[in-house]
Amino acid sequence: MRPILELSGVSKAFGRPNERNTVLRDIDLSIEEGDFVSIIGYSGSGKSTLINLVAGLLKPDTGSAKMDGEIIRGPGPERGIVFQNYSLLPWLTVTENIRLAVDQIFPDLSERDRAARTGDYVDMVKLTPAAAKYPRELSGGMRQRVSVARTLAANPRILLLDEPLSALDALTRATLQDEIADIWEKNRTTVIWITNDPDEALLVANRVIPLLPGAEGATLGPEIAVSIPRPRFRREMAKSVEFAELKLRLVTTLLDAKRDSTPTLTKKLSIPDLLPEDLGVKRVFTLFDKPKPRRRSRLEREEIKIEAS
């Protein structure tokens, strides 16, 4: 059976002709109808570039991206995408934001049928009590529910999720992970979920594929099949030996790839202090003050745990 989506030898670079920076190289990806695939990688490794190639927002420099055997030449309603930000129209209510997609994709339906379809998707993401509220009146998790519902209401054959929960707190994120997984169980829409969270990837997907960094651009590593039965309850996963082994394998693969791709510095560089004497200012300061501590991503925290063990 022909895959619904196929990327073959895809590479993508950005920059001027003589200063091209290769982000992705030799990407081969095959997705079957009804599949649930999670692609995990470091921030800045090219995950969003990959999802934009599938969505038709970018074109590959080499290789081909095909859906149903046909070259992807641009965006289309058969590929619905949910971004990290909510992308809602602030002057429309929950129902009206979702109705937008229904009216665009199903203009031949009667007014009653379009209203019913909209209501079904509002209910699917458990927002019926908030149906008449505006985005400013919603929490971050509720806004992302609207975004997911609006995308699903367009009846896409492939649902593309570009780190859709990264801006949410841990508890809200966990709740939406479960809800989206439950929606997939009921509809079996093909899903490609981009993330940098190992737990998220293994909890929601049937296949997890690491995007491995490299000196000449990132490429996909060997996939990890997740055969843990659904529904996957968080408490049970915390005790599961299989889940722990899969997580260790996934994080180790990413950690090894990062280590191999990172150049070794043989000489420590120092920046001299700058004295603004010409301005008559007595205070001495450095060009690069000590930065504020950066909050580590989930993937980086898992790496630290593995290295310490």
Protein backbone atom coordinates (compact mmCIF):
# COMPACT_ATOMS: atom_id res chain seq x y z
CA MET A 1 0.00 0.00 0.00
CA ARG A 2 1.34 3.43 -0.94
CA PRO A 3 2.16 5.66 2.06
CA ILE A 4 0.05 8.78 2.50
CA LEU A 5 3.21 10.88 2.91
CA GLU A 6 6.74 10.27 1.64
CA LEU A 7 9.90 12.36 1.86
CA SER A 8 12.86 11.07 -0.15
CA GLY A 9 16.38 12.52 0.04
CA VAL A 10 15.07 15.89 1.23
CA SER A 11 17.58 18.62 2.13
CA LYS A 12 16.97 22.24 3.03
CA ALA A 13 19.38 25.16 3.48
CA PHE A 14 18.95 28.87 4.15
CA GLY A 15 21.07 31.93 3.43
CA ARG A 16 22.73 33.63 0.49
CA PRO A 17 23.92 31.49 -2.43
CA ASN A 18 27.55 31.57 -1.28
CA GLU A 19 26.73 31.37 2.44
CA ARG A 20 24.16 28.58 2.62
CA ASN A 21 23.54 26.96 6.02
CA THR A 22 22.22 23.43 5.65
CA VAL A 23 19.52 22.75 8.24
CA LEU A 24 18.23 19.36 7.04
CA ARG A 25 19.98 16.75 4.93
CA ASP A 26 19.03 13.39 3.42
CA ILE A 27 15.61 13.20 5.08
CA ASP A 28 13.74 9.97 4.30
CA LEU A 29 10.33 9.63 5.92
CA SER A 30 7.36 7.40 5.15
CA ILE A 31 3.98 7.83 6.89
CA GLU A 32 1.08 5.41 6.58
CA GLU A 33 -2.60 6.35 6.74
CA GLY A 34 -3.74 6.48 10.38
CA ASP A 35 -0.18 6.51 11.74
CA PHE A 36 0.83 8.52 14.83
CA VAL A 37 4.46 9.59 14.55
CA SER A 38 6.43 11.84 16.88
CA ILE A 39 9.63 13.52 15.71
CA ILE A 40 11.85 14.64 18.57
CA GLY A 41 14.96 16.78 18.54
CA TYR A 42 16.84 19.66 20.10
CA SER A 43 15.66 23.24 19.82
CA GLY A 44 17.06 24.74 16.63
CA SER A 45 17.74 21.36 15.02
CA GLY A 46 15.27 21.89 12.17
CA LYS A 47 12.04 20.33 13.48
CA SER A 48 9.86 23.27 12.42
CA THR A 49 11.61 23.37 9.04
CA LEU A 50 10.69 19.71 8.57
CA ILE A 51 7.03 20.26 9.48
CA ASN A 52 6.89 23.29 7.16
CA LEU A 53 8.19 21.15 4.29
CA VAL A 54 5.38 18.65 4.91
CA ALA A 55 2.83 21.46 5.20
CA GLY A 56 3.97 22.93 1.88
CA LEU A 57 5.09 26.21 3.45
CA LEU A 58 8.65 25.47 2.27
CA LYS A 59 10.03 23.60 -0.72
CA PRO A 60 13.01 21.23 -0.47
CA ASP A 61 16.28 22.19 -2.15
CA THR A 62 16.91 18.57 -3.10
CA GLY A 63 14.78 15.44 -2.97
CA SER A 64 11.00 15.28 -3.01
CA ALA A 65 8.04 15.59 -0.64
CA LYS A 66 4.95 13.72 -1.82
CA MET A 67 1.41 13.11 -0.60
CA ASP A 68 -0.49 10.26 -2.23
CA GLY A 69 2.35 10.01 -4.74
CA GLU A 70 1.97 13.62 -5.89
CA ILE A 71 4.57 16.34 -5.30
CA ILE A 72 3.56 18.77 -2.52
CA ARG A 73 3.55 22.17 -4.23
CA GLY A 74 2.03 24.29 -1.48
CA PRO A 75 -0.30 24.32 1.55
CA GLY A 76 -3.60 22.46 1.34
CA PRO A 77 -6.58 21.65 3.58
CA GLU A 78 -5.63 17.97 3.58
CA ARG A 79 -2.68 18.92 5.80
CA GLY A 80 -3.83 20.84 8.88
CA ILE A 81 -1.19 22.41 11.10
CA VAL A 82 -1.29 23.54 14.73
CA PHE A 83 1.53 25.93 15.66
CA GLN A 84 3.14 26.71 19.02
CA ASN A 85 1.15 29.94 19.23
CA TYR A 86 -2.62 29.79 19.13
CA SER A 87 -3.24 31.86 15.96
CA LEU A 88 -6.80 32.69 16.95
CA LEU A 89 -8.74 35.72 15.76
CA PRO A 90 -9.26 37.80 18.93
CA TRP A 91 -12.51 39.39 17.77
CA LEU A 92 -14.21 36.00 17.27
CA THR A 93 -15.61 33.67 19.93
CA VAL A 94 -14.59 30.03 20.39
CA THR A 95 -17.46 28.90 18.16
CA GLU A 96 -16.78 31.56 15.53
CA ASN A 97 -13.06 30.71 15.32
CA ILE A 98 -13.90 27.05 14.69
CA ARG A 99 -16.78 27.95 12.36
CA LEU A 100 -14.28 29.80 10.14
CA ALA A 101 -12.67 26.51 9.11
CA VAL A 102 -16.02 24.78 8.60
CA ASP A 103 -17.31 27.57 6.34
CA GLN A 104 -14.13 27.55 4.25
CA ILE A 105 -13.95 23.79 3.70
CA PHE A 106 -17.67 22.92 3.58
CA PRO A 107 -19.41 25.88 1.87
CA ASP A 108 -21.99 23.57 0.25
CA LEU A 109 -23.36 22.32 3.57
CA SER A 110 -26.54 23.89 4.89
CA GLU A 111 -26.40 26.48 7.67
CA ARG A 112 -27.78 23.90 10.11
CA ASP A 113 -25.20 21.25 9.15
CA ARG A 114 -22.29 23.69 9.44
CA ALA A 115 -23.51 24.83 12.85
CA ALA A 116 -23.88 21.21 13.97
CA ARG A 117 -20.41 20.32 12.71
CA THR A 118 -18.93 23.30 14.53
CA GLY A 119 -20.71 22.33 17.73
CA ASP A 120 -19.38 18.77 17.50
CA TYR A 121 -15.78 20.00 17.46
CA VAL A 122 -16.37 22.50 20.25
CA ASP A 123 -17.69 19.60 22.30
CA MET A 124 -14.85 17.29 21.24
CA VAL A 125 -12.29 19.55 22.93
CA LYS A 126 -14.58 20.06 25.96
CA LEU A 127 -15.20 23.75 25.41
CA THR A 128 -18.99 23.83 25.15
CA PRO A 129 -19.35 25.88 28.38
CA ALA A 130 -16.91 28.44 26.91
CA ALA A 131 -18.34 28.45 23.38
CA ALA A 132 -19.34 32.14 23.49
CA LYS A 133 -16.10 33.40 25.05
CA TYR A 134 -13.36 35.32 23.28
CA PRO A 135 -9.67 34.25 23.27
CA ARG A 136 -8.76 36.91 25.85
CA GLU A 137 -11.16 35.22 28.27
CA LEU A 138 -9.53 31.80 27.91
CA SER A 139 -6.52 30.18 29.53
CA GLY A 140 -3.57 29.09 27.40
CA GLY A 141 -4.73 25.49 27.44
CA MET A 142 -8.23 26.45 26.34
CA ARG A 143 -6.87 28.56 23.49
CA GLN A 144 -4.81 25.65 22.23
CA ARG A 145 -7.90 23.44 22.41
CA VAL A 146 -9.66 25.90 20.11
CA SER A 147 -6.71 25.80 17.72
CA VAL A 148 -6.76 21.98 17.63
CA ALA A 149 -10.54 21.91 17.17
CA ARG A 150 -10.41 24.46 14.33
CA THR A 151 -7.77 22.40 12.52
CA LEU A 152 -9.69 19.13 12.99
CA ALA A 153 -12.93 20.79 11.87
CA ALA A 154 -11.36 21.24 8.42
CA ASN A 155 -11.21 17.42 8.24
CA PRO A 156 -7.48 17.14 7.31
CA ARG A 157 -6.04 13.77 6.37
CA ILE A 158 -2.80 14.64 8.17
CA LEU A 159 -2.68 16.62 11.42
CA LEU A 160 0.66 18.41 11.88
CA LEU A 161 1.48 19.48 15.44
CA ASP A 162 4.50 21.78 15.78
CA GLU A 163 5.30 21.66 19.51
CA PRO A 164 1.69 22.65 20.22
CA LEU A 165 1.96 22.41 24.02
CA SER A 166 5.39 23.93 24.63
CA ALA A 167 4.02 27.20 26.05
CA LEU A 168 1.79 25.51 28.63
CA ASP A 169 2.40 24.59 32.25
CA ALA A 170 3.18 20.94 33.06
CA LEU A 171 -0.28 19.99 34.35
CA THR A 172 -2.17 21.59 31.44
CA ARG A 173 0.30 20.07 29.02
CA ALA A 174 -0.27 16.59 30.45
CA THR A 175 -4.04 17.00 30.21
CA LEU A 176 -3.92 18.07 26.56
CA GLN A 177 -1.49 15.27 25.67
CA ASP A 178 -4.08 12.78 26.92
CA GLU A 179 -6.95 14.55 25.19
CA ILE A 180 -5.22 14.71 21.80
CA ALA A 181 -4.24 11.04 22.10
CA ASP A 182 -7.88 10.25 22.89
CA ILE A 183 -9.07 12.23 19.86
CA TRP A 184 -6.66 10.23 17.70
CA GLU A 185 -8.06 6.98 19.13
CA LYS A 186 -11.57 8.01 18.07
CA ASN A 187 -10.78 9.50 14.65
CA ARG A 188 -7.51 7.81 13.56
CA THR A 189 -6.42 10.93 11.68
CA THR A 190 -2.79 10.62 10.63
CA VAL A 191 -0.66 12.64 13.07
CA ILE A 192 2.90 13.98 12.95
CA TRP A 193 3.79 15.51 16.31
CA ILE A 194 6.95 17.62 16.70
CA THR A 195 8.37 17.81 20.23
CA ASN A 196 11.51 18.13 22.35
CA ASP A 197 10.04 16.17 25.27
CA PRO A 198 10.94 12.42 25.44
CA ASP A 199 8.04 11.61 27.78
CA GLU A 200 5.55 13.34 25.51
CA ALA A 201 6.86 11.57 22.42
CA LEU A 202 6.62 8.11 23.99
CA LEU A 203 3.25 8.73 25.64
CA VAL A 204 1.37 9.82 22.51
CA ALA A 205 2.98 8.16 19.48
CA ASN A 206 3.18 4.74 17.87
CA ARG A 207 6.56 5.58 16.35
CA VAL A 208 9.18 8.00 17.63
CA ILE A 209 11.87 9.24 15.23
CA PRO A 210 14.81 11.29 16.53
CA LEU A 211 16.06 14.23 14.49
CA LEU A 212 19.82 14.01 14.98
CA PRO A 213 22.06 17.09 14.76
CA GLY A 214 25.11 17.00 12.54
CA ALA A 215 27.90 19.25 11.32
CA GLU A 216 26.32 19.25 7.84
CA GLY A 217 22.70 19.49 8.93
CA ALA A 218 20.26 17.35 10.90
CA THR A 219 18.92 14.05 9.64
CA LEU A 220 16.46 11.44 10.92
CA GLY A 221 17.83 8.61 13.04
CA PRO A 222 16.47 5.08 13.51
CA GLU A 223 12.86 5.01 14.61
CA ILE A 224 11.69 3.58 17.91
CA ALA A 225 8.46 1.59 17.82
CA VAL A 226 6.21 2.14 20.84
CA SER A 227 4.07 -0.95 21.33
CA ILE A 228 2.80 -0.05 24.80
CA PRO A 229 -0.98 -0.65 24.79
CA ARG A 230 -3.41 2.28 24.81
CA PRO A 231 -4.72 4.07 26.72
CA ARG A 232 -1.39 4.91 28.33
CA PHE A 233 -1.93 6.05 31.88
CA ARG A 234 0.74 8.28 33.34
CA ARG A 235 0.98 6.51 36.68
CA GLU A 236 1.43 3.16 34.99
CA MET A 237 4.05 4.55 32.62
CA ALA A 238 6.07 5.84 35.60
CA LYS A 239 6.36 2.23 36.80
CA SER A 240 6.77 0.61 33.37
CA VAL A 241 10.13 -1.02 32.70
CA GLU A 242 9.43 -0.94 28.95
CA PHE A 243 8.73 2.80 29.04
CA ALA A 244 11.94 3.44 31.00
CA GLU A 245 14.01 1.39 28.55
CA LEU A 246 12.53 3.18 25.53
CA LYS A 247 13.18 6.56 27.13
CA LEU A 248 16.78 5.66 27.93
CA ARG A 249 17.34 4.46 24.37
CA LEU A 250 15.79 7.61 22.89
CA VAL A 251 17.65 10.10 25.07
CA THR A 252 20.96 8.25 24.68
CA THR A 253 20.60 8.33 20.89
CA LEU A 254 20.04 12.09 20.93
CA LEU A 255 22.80 12.69 23.46
CA ASP A 256 25.35 10.70 21.47
CA ALA A 257 24.45 12.52 18.26
CA LYS A 258 24.80 15.90 19.93
CA ARG A 259 28.18 14.97 21.40
CA ASP A 260 29.47 13.78 18.01
CA SER A 261 28.28 16.95 16.25
CA THR A 262 29.71 19.43 18.77
CA PRO A 263 33.17 20.76 17.84
CA THR A 264 35.82 20.59 20.56
CA LEU A 265 37.29 23.95 21.59
CA THR A 266 41.07 23.75 22.00
CA LYS A 267 41.54 27.28 23.16
CA LYS A 268 39.56 29.35 25.63
CA LEU A 269 38.63 32.73 24.26
CA SER A 270 38.65 35.79 26.51
CA ILE A 271 36.95 39.12 25.97
CA PRO A 272 38.74 42.16 27.45
CA ASP A 273 36.90 44.59 29.69
CA LEU A 274 35.82 47.79 27.98
CA LEU A 275 36.41 51.12 29.70
CA PRO A 276 34.15 53.96 28.55
CA GLU A 277 36.82 56.54 29.34
CA ASP A 278 35.88 58.82 26.47
CA LEU A 279 32.42 59.29 28.01
CA GLY A 280 33.82 60.22 31.38
CA VAL A 281 32.02 57.27 33.02
CA LYS A 282 33.86 55.71 35.94
CA ARG A 283 31.91 52.42 36.06
CA VAL A 284 33.75 49.47 34.53
CA PHE A 285 31.67 46.96 32.66
CA THR A 286 32.21 43.98 30.38
CA LEU A 287 30.86 43.59 26.89
CA PHE A 288 29.23 40.34 27.82
CA ASP A 289 27.79 40.45 31.33
CA LYS A 290 27.08 37.14 32.99
CA PRO A 291 23.80 35.94 31.45
CA LYS A 292 20.81 34.98 33.50
CA PRO A 293 20.47 31.22 34.01
CA ARG A 294 18.58 29.69 31.09
CA ARG A 295 15.84 27.25 31.92
CA ARG A 296 16.83 23.85 30.59
CA SER A 297 14.48 22.01 28.24
CA ARG A 298 13.04 18.65 29.22
CA LEU A 299 15.42 16.88 26.85
CA GLU A 300 18.45 18.60 28.38
CA ARG A 301 17.29 17.67 31.90
CA GLU A 302 16.99 14.03 30.87
CA GLU A 303 20.52 14.11 29.44
CA ILE A 304 21.91 15.44 32.73
CA LYS A 305 20.21 12.60 34.60
CA ILE A 306 21.72 9.99 32.25
CA GLU A 307 25.20 11.49 32.41
CA ALA A 308 25.03 11.57 36.21
CA SER A 309 23.93 7.94 36.48
